[in-house]
N, C-alpha and C. Protein backbone atom coordinates (compact mmCIF):
# COMPACT_ATOMS: atom_id res chain seq x y z
N MET A 1 157.69 -51.52 119.28
CA MET A 1 157.12 -50.74 118.00
C MET A 1 155.94 -49.96 118.55
N ASN A 2 155.64 -48.88 118.06
CA ASN A 2 154.44 -48.14 118.46
C ASN A 2 153.42 -48.36 117.59
N LYS A 3 152.21 -47.85 117.75
CA LYS A 3 150.92 -48.13 117.00
C LYS A 3 151.12 -47.52 115.67
N GLN A 4 151.73 -46.38 115.57
CA GLN A 4 151.59 -45.54 114.18
C GLN A 4 152.74 -46.40 113.49
N THR A 5 153.92 -46.91 113.90
CA THR A 5 154.93 -47.69 113.06
C THR A 5 154.38 -48.86 112.65
N ARG A 6 153.59 -49.68 113.65
CA ARG A 6 152.87 -50.92 113.06
C ARG A 6 151.98 -50.61 111.88
N TYR A 7 151.32 -49.66 112.00
CA TYR A 7 150.24 -49.24 110.92
C TYR A 7 151.02 -49.11 109.64
N TRP A 8 152.17 -48.21 109.74
CA TRP A 8 152.78 -48.23 108.41
C TRP A 8 153.50 -49.31 107.89
N VAL A 9 154.08 -50.16 108.67
CA VAL A 9 154.62 -51.41 108.31
C VAL A 9 153.62 -52.56 107.53
N ARG A 10 152.47 -52.41 108.36
CA ARG A 10 151.36 -53.26 107.70
C ARG A 10 150.96 -52.71 106.24
N ARG A 11 150.91 -51.40 106.22
CA ARG A 11 150.53 -50.88 104.93
C ARG A 11 151.46 -51.04 103.78
N ILE A 12 152.76 -51.04 104.32
CA ILE A 12 153.75 -51.38 103.14
C ILE A 12 153.87 -52.82 102.82
N LEU A 13 153.63 -53.58 103.82
CA LEU A 13 153.59 -55.06 103.41
C LEU A 13 152.41 -55.29 102.64
N PHE A 14 151.21 -54.83 102.87
CA PHE A 14 150.13 -55.06 102.13
C PHE A 14 150.29 -54.57 100.60
N GLY A 15 151.04 -53.51 100.60
CA GLY A 15 151.24 -53.07 99.21
C GLY A 15 152.07 -53.72 98.37
N ILE A 16 153.11 -54.23 99.20
CA ILE A 16 154.11 -55.38 98.41
C ILE A 16 153.33 -56.44 97.99
N MET A 17 152.58 -57.01 98.86
CA MET A 17 151.75 -58.30 98.58
C MET A 17 150.89 -57.94 97.27
N ILE A 18 150.20 -56.85 97.22
CA ILE A 18 149.25 -56.50 96.18
C ILE A 18 150.06 -56.45 94.93
N GLY A 19 151.34 -55.79 95.02
CA GLY A 19 152.10 -55.58 93.84
C GLY A 19 152.56 -57.01 93.17
N MET A 20 153.02 -57.86 94.21
CA MET A 20 153.37 -59.25 93.90
C MET A 20 152.27 -60.10 93.27
N ILE A 21 151.14 -59.80 93.61
CA ILE A 21 149.77 -60.46 93.01
C ILE A 21 149.57 -60.22 91.77
N ALA A 22 149.66 -58.70 91.53
CA ALA A 22 149.22 -57.89 90.22
C ALA A 22 150.37 -58.42 89.32
N PHE A 23 151.66 -58.40 89.62
CA PHE A 23 152.81 -58.95 88.86
C PHE A 23 152.48 -60.53 88.47
N THR A 24 152.12 -61.21 89.18
CA THR A 24 152.03 -62.63 88.78
C THR A 24 150.70 -62.87 87.86
N LEU A 25 149.53 -62.05 88.15
CA LEU A 25 148.56 -62.21 87.14
C LEU A 25 148.97 -61.58 85.93
N TYR A 26 149.57 -60.55 85.86
CA TYR A 26 150.14 -59.96 84.51
C TYR A 26 150.90 -60.91 83.70
N ARG A 27 151.76 -61.70 84.46
CA ARG A 27 152.74 -62.70 83.78
C ARG A 27 151.78 -63.71 83.21
N ILE A 28 150.80 -64.26 83.85
CA ILE A 28 149.90 -65.38 83.44
C ILE A 28 149.11 -64.96 82.38
N LEU A 29 148.67 -63.76 82.52
CA LEU A 29 147.80 -63.21 81.35
C LEU A 29 148.36 -62.99 80.06
N THR A 30 149.69 -62.52 80.14
CA THR A 30 150.40 -61.99 79.11
C THR A 30 151.36 -63.14 78.35
N GLU A 31 151.46 -64.31 79.20
CA GLU A 31 152.38 -65.42 78.68
C GLU A 31 151.71 -66.00 77.38
N ASP A 32 152.53 -66.28 76.50
CA ASP A 32 152.13 -67.02 75.27
C ASP A 32 151.64 -68.39 75.64
N GLN A 33 150.43 -68.68 75.51
CA GLN A 33 149.79 -69.90 75.80
C GLN A 33 150.19 -71.07 74.82
N ALA A 34 150.40 -70.75 73.64
CA ALA A 34 150.75 -71.72 72.67
C ALA A 34 152.09 -72.23 72.70
N LYS A 35 152.17 -73.36 73.41
CA LYS A 35 153.52 -74.12 73.52
C LYS A 35 153.36 -75.19 72.43
N VAL A 36 154.50 -75.18 71.69
CA VAL A 36 154.37 -76.36 70.57
C VAL A 36 154.99 -77.74 71.25
N ASP A 37 154.32 -78.67 70.81
CA ASP A 37 154.57 -79.94 71.28
C ASP A 37 154.45 -81.01 70.17
N VAL A 38 154.94 -82.33 70.55
CA VAL A 38 154.83 -83.44 69.74
C VAL A 38 153.30 -83.63 69.35
N GLY A 39 153.08 -83.66 67.98
CA GLY A 39 151.61 -83.96 67.55
C GLY A 39 151.07 -82.66 67.05
N ASP A 40 151.84 -81.50 67.41
CA ASP A 40 151.17 -80.16 66.92
C ASP A 40 151.53 -79.88 65.52
N GLN A 41 150.76 -79.01 64.80
CA GLN A 41 151.26 -78.42 63.60
C GLN A 41 152.59 -77.66 63.90
N ALA A 42 153.45 -77.70 63.17
CA ALA A 42 154.66 -76.83 63.30
C ALA A 42 154.44 -75.37 62.96
N PRO A 43 154.52 -74.43 63.83
CA PRO A 43 154.48 -72.97 63.51
C PRO A 43 155.23 -72.65 62.25
N ASP A 44 154.58 -71.85 61.48
CA ASP A 44 155.25 -71.29 60.13
C ASP A 44 156.21 -70.22 60.68
N PHE A 45 157.37 -70.01 59.84
CA PHE A 45 158.25 -68.82 60.06
C PHE A 45 158.89 -68.57 58.79
N THR A 46 159.42 -67.39 58.70
CA THR A 46 160.33 -67.15 57.49
C THR A 46 161.63 -66.41 58.09
N LEU A 47 162.84 -67.08 57.75
CA LEU A 47 164.09 -66.60 58.11
C LEU A 47 165.01 -66.34 56.90
N GLN A 48 165.89 -65.57 57.03
CA GLN A 48 166.80 -65.41 56.10
C GLN A 48 168.13 -66.26 56.19
N THR A 49 168.53 -66.73 54.99
CA THR A 49 169.81 -67.53 55.01
C THR A 49 171.00 -66.66 54.88
N LEU A 50 172.13 -67.48 55.00
CA LEU A 50 173.46 -66.54 55.10
C LEU A 50 173.59 -65.92 53.60
N ASP A 51 173.11 -66.57 52.37
CA ASP A 51 173.30 -66.17 51.25
C ASP A 51 172.30 -65.18 50.80
N GLY A 52 171.43 -64.69 51.87
CA GLY A 52 170.26 -63.74 51.44
C GLY A 52 168.93 -64.15 51.09
N ASN A 53 168.87 -65.55 50.70
CA ASN A 53 167.57 -66.12 50.47
C ASN A 53 166.78 -66.36 51.73
N GLN A 54 165.36 -66.68 51.42
CA GLN A 54 164.62 -66.82 52.56
C GLN A 54 164.10 -68.38 52.57
N VAL A 55 163.84 -68.77 53.90
CA VAL A 55 163.45 -70.08 54.14
C VAL A 55 162.09 -69.93 54.91
N LYS A 56 161.12 -70.24 54.27
CA LYS A 56 159.81 -70.41 54.72
C LYS A 56 159.35 -71.75 54.99
N LEU A 57 159.15 -72.15 56.39
CA LEU A 57 158.78 -73.45 56.70
C LEU A 57 157.76 -74.13 55.71
N SER A 58 156.64 -73.37 55.90
CA SER A 58 155.48 -73.84 54.96
C SER A 58 155.72 -74.23 53.50
N GLU A 59 156.71 -73.72 53.04
CA GLU A 59 157.08 -74.13 51.54
C GLU A 59 157.98 -75.39 51.53
N LEU A 60 158.25 -76.04 52.76
CA LEU A 60 158.91 -77.16 52.69
C LEU A 60 158.03 -78.45 52.97
N LYS A 61 156.54 -78.08 52.89
CA LYS A 61 155.65 -79.15 53.14
C LYS A 61 155.79 -80.11 52.06
N GLY A 62 155.78 -81.38 52.31
CA GLY A 62 155.90 -82.58 51.44
C GLY A 62 157.31 -83.21 51.69
N LYS A 63 158.21 -82.43 52.42
CA LYS A 63 159.65 -82.84 52.94
C LYS A 63 159.55 -83.32 54.37
N ALA A 64 160.44 -84.13 54.83
CA ALA A 64 160.69 -84.25 56.06
C ALA A 64 161.67 -83.38 56.56
N VAL A 65 161.54 -82.69 57.53
CA VAL A 65 162.40 -81.36 58.07
C VAL A 65 162.79 -81.64 59.45
N MET A 66 164.11 -81.34 59.78
CA MET A 66 164.68 -81.25 60.97
C MET A 66 165.04 -79.81 61.26
N LEU A 67 164.39 -79.11 62.16
CA LEU A 67 164.70 -77.92 62.59
C LEU A 67 165.80 -78.08 63.74
N ASN A 68 166.98 -77.42 63.55
CA ASN A 68 168.11 -77.51 64.78
C ASN A 68 168.28 -76.10 65.03
N PHE A 69 168.15 -75.95 66.33
CA PHE A 69 168.25 -74.63 67.05
C PHE A 69 169.75 -74.74 67.73
N TRP A 70 170.65 -74.08 67.39
CA TRP A 70 172.00 -74.15 67.82
C TRP A 70 172.85 -72.57 67.89
N GLY A 71 173.98 -72.76 68.52
CA GLY A 71 174.91 -71.65 68.55
C GLY A 71 176.18 -71.85 68.23
N THR A 72 177.16 -71.04 67.87
CA THR A 72 178.55 -71.29 67.57
C THR A 72 179.26 -71.50 68.81
N TRP A 73 178.78 -70.99 69.87
CA TRP A 73 179.38 -71.21 71.23
C TRP A 73 179.13 -72.32 71.98
N CYS A 74 178.34 -73.12 71.50
CA CYS A 74 177.63 -74.42 72.03
C CYS A 74 178.53 -75.59 71.74
N LYS A 75 179.27 -76.18 72.54
CA LYS A 75 179.94 -77.33 72.41
C LYS A 75 179.19 -78.48 71.90
N PRO A 76 178.12 -78.86 72.47
CA PRO A 76 177.50 -80.00 72.03
C PRO A 76 176.89 -79.67 70.43
N CYS A 77 176.55 -78.37 70.19
CA CYS A 77 176.14 -78.00 68.77
C CYS A 77 177.18 -78.39 67.83
N ARG A 78 178.36 -77.97 68.22
CA ARG A 78 179.55 -78.27 67.44
C ARG A 78 179.78 -79.77 67.23
N GLU A 79 179.65 -80.49 68.10
CA GLU A 79 179.84 -82.01 68.08
C GLU A 79 178.79 -82.64 67.27
N GLU A 80 177.59 -82.07 67.07
CA GLU A 80 176.57 -82.90 66.30
C GLU A 80 176.59 -82.43 64.92
N MET A 81 177.14 -81.42 64.42
CA MET A 81 177.24 -80.72 63.03
C MET A 81 177.70 -81.87 62.13
N PRO A 82 178.91 -82.42 62.34
CA PRO A 82 179.26 -83.52 61.27
C PRO A 82 178.03 -84.63 61.17
N ALA A 83 177.53 -85.17 62.14
CA ALA A 83 176.30 -86.17 62.08
C ALA A 83 175.29 -85.55 61.22
N MET A 84 174.99 -84.23 61.64
CA MET A 84 173.98 -83.72 60.63
C MET A 84 174.15 -83.57 59.09
N GLN A 85 175.48 -83.38 58.91
CA GLN A 85 175.92 -83.06 57.53
C GLN A 85 175.79 -84.65 56.81
N ASP A 86 176.27 -85.62 57.68
CA ASP A 86 176.29 -86.83 57.16
C ASP A 86 174.82 -87.36 56.81
N ALA A 87 173.94 -87.04 57.75
CA ALA A 87 172.47 -87.38 57.45
C ALA A 87 171.95 -86.54 56.31
N TYR A 88 172.18 -85.35 56.29
CA TYR A 88 171.79 -84.61 55.09
C TYR A 88 172.28 -85.07 53.80
N ASN A 89 173.70 -85.54 53.63
CA ASN A 89 174.17 -85.94 52.52
C ASN A 89 173.49 -87.39 52.11
N LYS A 90 173.12 -88.11 53.08
CA LYS A 90 172.45 -89.49 53.00
C LYS A 90 170.72 -89.42 52.54
N TYR A 91 170.29 -88.58 53.10
CA TYR A 91 168.77 -88.68 53.03
C TYR A 91 168.18 -87.41 52.21
N HIS A 92 168.88 -86.55 51.89
CA HIS A 92 168.33 -85.21 51.30
C HIS A 92 167.66 -85.65 49.87
N LYS A 93 168.18 -86.70 49.24
CA LYS A 93 167.53 -86.96 47.90
C LYS A 93 166.29 -87.81 47.94
N LEU A 94 166.08 -88.20 49.38
CA LEU A 94 164.91 -88.97 49.74
C LEU A 94 163.75 -88.08 50.18
N GLY A 95 163.97 -86.62 50.15
CA GLY A 95 163.05 -85.83 50.77
C GLY A 95 163.22 -85.25 51.99
N PHE A 96 164.49 -85.42 52.52
CA PHE A 96 164.76 -84.81 53.90
C PHE A 96 165.42 -83.45 53.83
N GLU A 97 165.17 -82.61 54.59
CA GLU A 97 165.79 -81.24 54.64
C GLU A 97 166.02 -80.85 56.10
N ILE A 98 167.12 -80.30 56.23
CA ILE A 98 167.70 -79.62 57.54
C ILE A 98 167.45 -78.14 57.36
N VAL A 99 167.13 -77.47 58.44
CA VAL A 99 167.09 -75.86 58.55
C VAL A 99 167.82 -75.71 59.89
N ALA A 100 169.06 -75.24 59.92
CA ALA A 100 169.84 -75.00 61.10
C ALA A 100 169.50 -73.62 61.44
N ILE A 101 168.98 -73.37 62.63
CA ILE A 101 168.46 -71.92 63.18
C ILE A 101 169.57 -71.49 64.04
N ASN A 102 170.33 -70.71 63.67
CA ASN A 102 171.34 -69.93 64.65
C ASN A 102 170.41 -68.98 65.40
N VAL A 103 170.72 -69.02 66.71
CA VAL A 103 169.98 -68.05 67.76
C VAL A 103 170.71 -67.04 68.09
N GLY A 104 170.51 -65.90 67.85
CA GLY A 104 171.08 -64.71 68.29
C GLY A 104 172.31 -64.36 68.03
N GLU A 105 173.07 -64.82 66.96
CA GLU A 105 174.43 -64.45 66.48
C GLU A 105 174.54 -63.60 65.32
N THR A 106 175.68 -63.03 65.13
CA THR A 106 176.09 -62.37 63.97
C THR A 106 176.25 -63.27 62.89
N GLU A 107 175.84 -62.65 61.51
CA GLU A 107 176.07 -63.29 60.29
C GLU A 107 177.57 -63.70 60.14
N VAL A 108 178.29 -62.99 60.45
CA VAL A 108 179.88 -63.04 60.33
C VAL A 108 180.31 -64.37 61.31
N ALA A 109 179.75 -64.40 62.20
CA ALA A 109 180.13 -65.67 63.21
C ALA A 109 179.69 -66.83 62.65
N VAL A 110 178.43 -66.76 62.20
CA VAL A 110 177.67 -67.89 61.68
C VAL A 110 178.41 -68.36 60.56
N GLN A 111 178.77 -67.46 59.56
CA GLN A 111 179.29 -67.77 58.14
C GLN A 111 180.65 -68.42 58.55
N GLN A 112 181.52 -67.96 59.38
CA GLN A 112 182.78 -68.59 59.90
C GLN A 112 182.64 -70.01 60.33
N PHE A 113 181.58 -70.23 61.03
CA PHE A 113 181.15 -71.63 61.62
C PHE A 113 180.93 -72.50 60.40
N VAL A 114 179.91 -71.94 59.60
CA VAL A 114 179.55 -72.76 58.50
C VAL A 114 180.52 -73.15 57.45
N ASP A 115 181.51 -72.34 57.34
CA ASP A 115 182.67 -72.67 56.35
C ASP A 115 183.59 -73.53 57.05
N GLN A 116 183.66 -73.37 58.34
CA GLN A 116 184.66 -74.35 59.15
C GLN A 116 184.26 -75.82 59.20
N TYR A 117 182.82 -75.99 59.25
CA TYR A 117 182.26 -77.34 59.46
C TYR A 117 181.81 -77.78 57.86
N LYS A 118 182.08 -76.89 56.96
CA LYS A 118 181.58 -77.29 55.39
C LYS A 118 180.19 -77.89 55.40
N LEU A 119 179.23 -76.96 56.01
CA LEU A 119 177.80 -77.38 56.02
C LEU A 119 177.34 -76.86 54.56
N SER A 120 176.41 -77.93 54.10
CA SER A 120 175.78 -77.55 53.07
C SER A 120 174.27 -77.43 53.19
N PHE A 121 173.70 -77.65 54.21
CA PHE A 121 172.21 -77.59 54.36
C PHE A 121 171.99 -76.03 54.75
N PRO A 122 170.71 -75.68 54.51
CA PRO A 122 170.38 -74.18 54.86
C PRO A 122 170.60 -73.84 56.40
N THR A 123 171.29 -72.80 56.49
CA THR A 123 171.29 -72.18 57.69
C THR A 123 170.90 -70.91 57.87
N VAL A 124 170.02 -70.54 58.87
CA VAL A 124 169.31 -69.29 58.91
C VAL A 124 169.59 -68.67 60.01
N LEU A 125 169.35 -67.45 60.11
CA LEU A 125 169.58 -66.39 61.29
C LEU A 125 168.38 -66.12 62.00
N ASP A 126 168.11 -66.32 63.32
CA ASP A 126 167.23 -65.98 64.22
C ASP A 126 167.66 -65.03 65.30
N GLU A 127 168.08 -63.81 64.67
CA GLU A 127 168.76 -62.90 65.46
C GLU A 127 168.07 -62.35 66.62
N GLU A 128 166.80 -62.18 66.52
CA GLU A 128 165.81 -61.44 67.45
C GLU A 128 165.42 -62.57 68.35
N LYS A 129 165.60 -64.08 68.05
CA LYS A 129 165.22 -65.00 68.82
C LYS A 129 163.57 -65.46 68.90
N GLU A 130 163.01 -64.80 67.70
CA GLU A 130 161.71 -64.93 67.75
C GLU A 130 161.06 -66.38 67.51
N VAL A 131 161.72 -67.00 66.50
CA VAL A 131 161.32 -68.44 66.22
C VAL A 131 161.84 -69.29 67.31
N GLN A 132 162.87 -69.08 68.23
CA GLN A 132 163.25 -69.78 69.31
C GLN A 132 162.07 -69.60 70.30
N ARG A 133 161.70 -68.46 70.71
CA ARG A 133 160.48 -68.32 71.48
C ARG A 133 159.23 -68.96 70.96
N GLN A 134 158.91 -68.80 69.68
CA GLN A 134 157.77 -69.47 68.99
C GLN A 134 157.72 -70.92 69.24
N TYR A 135 158.87 -71.61 69.27
CA TYR A 135 159.08 -73.16 69.43
C TYR A 135 159.32 -73.57 70.91
N ASP A 136 159.39 -72.48 71.81
CA ASP A 136 159.55 -72.63 73.16
C ASP A 136 160.91 -73.55 73.42
N VAL A 137 161.94 -73.02 72.63
CA VAL A 137 163.20 -73.75 72.76
C VAL A 137 163.91 -73.41 74.06
N GLY A 138 164.44 -74.32 74.69
CA GLY A 138 165.16 -74.29 76.07
C GLY A 138 166.77 -74.27 75.57
N PRO A 139 167.17 -75.47 76.05
CA PRO A 139 168.67 -75.62 75.88
C PRO A 139 169.15 -75.90 74.46
N LEU A 140 170.23 -75.53 74.26
CA LEU A 140 170.88 -75.75 72.89
C LEU A 140 171.82 -76.97 72.81
N PRO A 141 171.91 -77.75 71.86
CA PRO A 141 171.11 -77.78 70.63
C PRO A 141 169.64 -78.24 71.05
N SER A 142 168.76 -78.02 70.20
CA SER A 142 167.31 -78.58 70.39
C SER A 142 166.96 -78.81 68.87
N SER A 143 166.29 -80.02 68.61
CA SER A 143 165.80 -80.29 67.35
C SER A 143 164.41 -80.78 67.29
N PHE A 144 163.73 -80.26 66.27
CA PHE A 144 162.48 -80.77 66.20
C PHE A 144 162.34 -81.45 64.62
N PHE A 145 161.46 -82.68 64.74
CA PHE A 145 161.50 -83.56 63.58
C PHE A 145 160.05 -83.46 63.00
N ILE A 146 159.91 -82.78 61.81
CA ILE A 146 158.67 -82.46 61.29
C ILE A 146 158.13 -83.44 60.31
N SER A 147 157.18 -84.06 59.99
CA SER A 147 156.65 -84.86 59.06
C SER A 147 156.43 -84.12 57.82
N SER A 148 156.18 -84.84 56.54
CA SER A 148 156.10 -84.15 55.42
C SER A 148 154.60 -83.44 55.28
N GLU A 149 153.85 -83.80 56.47
CA GLU A 149 152.43 -83.10 56.52
C GLU A 149 152.60 -81.86 57.50
N GLY A 150 153.86 -81.62 57.89
CA GLY A 150 154.02 -80.42 58.79
C GLY A 150 153.87 -80.66 60.32
N VAL A 151 153.61 -81.96 60.82
CA VAL A 151 153.33 -82.09 62.13
C VAL A 151 154.80 -82.49 62.91
N ILE A 152 154.80 -82.00 63.99
CA ILE A 152 155.96 -82.20 64.90
C ILE A 152 155.85 -83.75 65.49
N VAL A 153 156.98 -84.42 65.10
CA VAL A 153 156.86 -85.74 65.41
C VAL A 153 157.73 -86.25 66.58
N ASN A 154 158.85 -85.43 66.59
CA ASN A 154 159.92 -85.52 67.85
C ASN A 154 160.53 -84.24 68.18
N LYS A 155 160.72 -83.97 69.33
CA LYS A 155 161.55 -82.88 69.99
C LYS A 155 162.59 -83.33 70.72
N ILE A 156 163.69 -83.14 70.55
CA ILE A 156 164.96 -83.51 71.23
C ILE A 156 165.72 -82.45 71.60
N GLU A 157 166.07 -82.43 73.02
CA GLU A 157 167.01 -81.42 73.39
C GLU A 157 168.34 -82.15 73.65
N GLY A 158 169.35 -81.56 73.24
CA GLY A 158 170.70 -82.01 73.36
C GLY A 158 171.31 -82.55 72.08
N ALA A 159 172.48 -82.83 72.05
CA ALA A 159 172.94 -83.35 70.88
C ALA A 159 172.79 -84.69 70.40
N LEU A 160 172.81 -84.96 69.07
CA LEU A 160 172.29 -86.18 68.61
C LEU A 160 173.53 -86.71 67.66
N ASP A 161 173.97 -88.05 68.00
CA ASP A 161 175.11 -88.71 67.09
C ASP A 161 174.26 -89.33 65.96
N LEU A 162 175.02 -89.75 65.13
CA LEU A 162 174.56 -90.11 63.74
C LEU A 162 173.60 -91.28 63.86
N GLN A 163 173.66 -92.24 64.67
CA GLN A 163 172.87 -93.40 64.95
C GLN A 163 171.35 -92.90 65.46
N ARG A 164 171.47 -91.96 66.29
CA ARG A 164 170.13 -91.39 66.93
C ARG A 164 169.53 -90.50 65.77
N LEU A 165 170.23 -89.67 65.22
CA LEU A 165 169.65 -88.84 64.16
C LEU A 165 169.04 -89.78 63.06
N GLU A 166 169.87 -90.49 62.58
CA GLU A 166 169.15 -91.53 61.57
C GLU A 166 167.91 -92.15 61.96
N TYR A 167 167.87 -92.48 63.18
CA TYR A 167 166.66 -93.12 63.69
C TYR A 167 165.41 -92.14 63.68
N TYR A 168 165.55 -91.01 64.03
CA TYR A 168 164.55 -89.89 63.86
C TYR A 168 164.17 -89.50 62.55
N VAL A 169 165.23 -89.37 61.68
CA VAL A 169 164.91 -89.07 60.10
C VAL A 169 164.23 -90.17 59.43
N THR A 170 164.44 -91.34 59.84
CA THR A 170 163.81 -92.46 59.25
C THR A 170 162.17 -92.46 59.43
N GLN A 171 161.94 -91.95 60.76
CA GLN A 171 160.67 -91.93 61.11
C GLN A 171 159.73 -90.87 60.35
N ILE A 172 160.33 -90.02 59.86
CA ILE A 172 159.67 -88.80 59.20
C ILE A 172 159.75 -88.85 57.69
N LEU A 173 160.66 -89.52 57.02
CA LEU A 173 160.87 -89.64 55.57
C LEU A 173 159.45 -89.82 55.01
N PRO A 174 159.21 -89.05 53.87
CA PRO A 174 157.87 -89.19 53.13
C PRO A 174 157.74 -90.64 52.60
N GLN A 175 156.65 -91.20 52.68
CA GLN A 175 156.38 -92.47 52.21
C GLN A 175 156.14 -92.33 50.55
N LYS A 176 156.89 -93.19 49.79
CA LYS A 176 156.66 -93.16 48.41
C LYS A 176 155.73 -94.21 47.84
């Protein structure tokens, strides 16, 4: 390799290296630093239900809340829905609320799913996945158990059976 070729190879490699450093710094500086975790106040949001109403998390203060992020295509999500309905039926009158947050699907697909599983708890649409990002949700299903004071008590990734679900629900039920 002659001197001129080496000069250009070095300049190109230097340019690539500078570009990679700039990209890394950009990602670090623009990344949302607010990750929600157990013990944090649950971030507020407003989403629309299938029947056109709105659910605003802050309006559920005073109730124990399970936020469940799910998808119709997700097999573990489908498997846990009957347990969620059973827990809702059992604990709703004691101050327990479920908000099932569908991530990125159409209203038609979600409505068919809700009808098929005969779900009676509020199901909302997060079509733009804004709330999913806000809560830093990874795999589906993911559930957040929020106390009546609005504090995240547990974050669970993966499907829950009725026994585990009841365990988490009883930890957050309002004290009378």
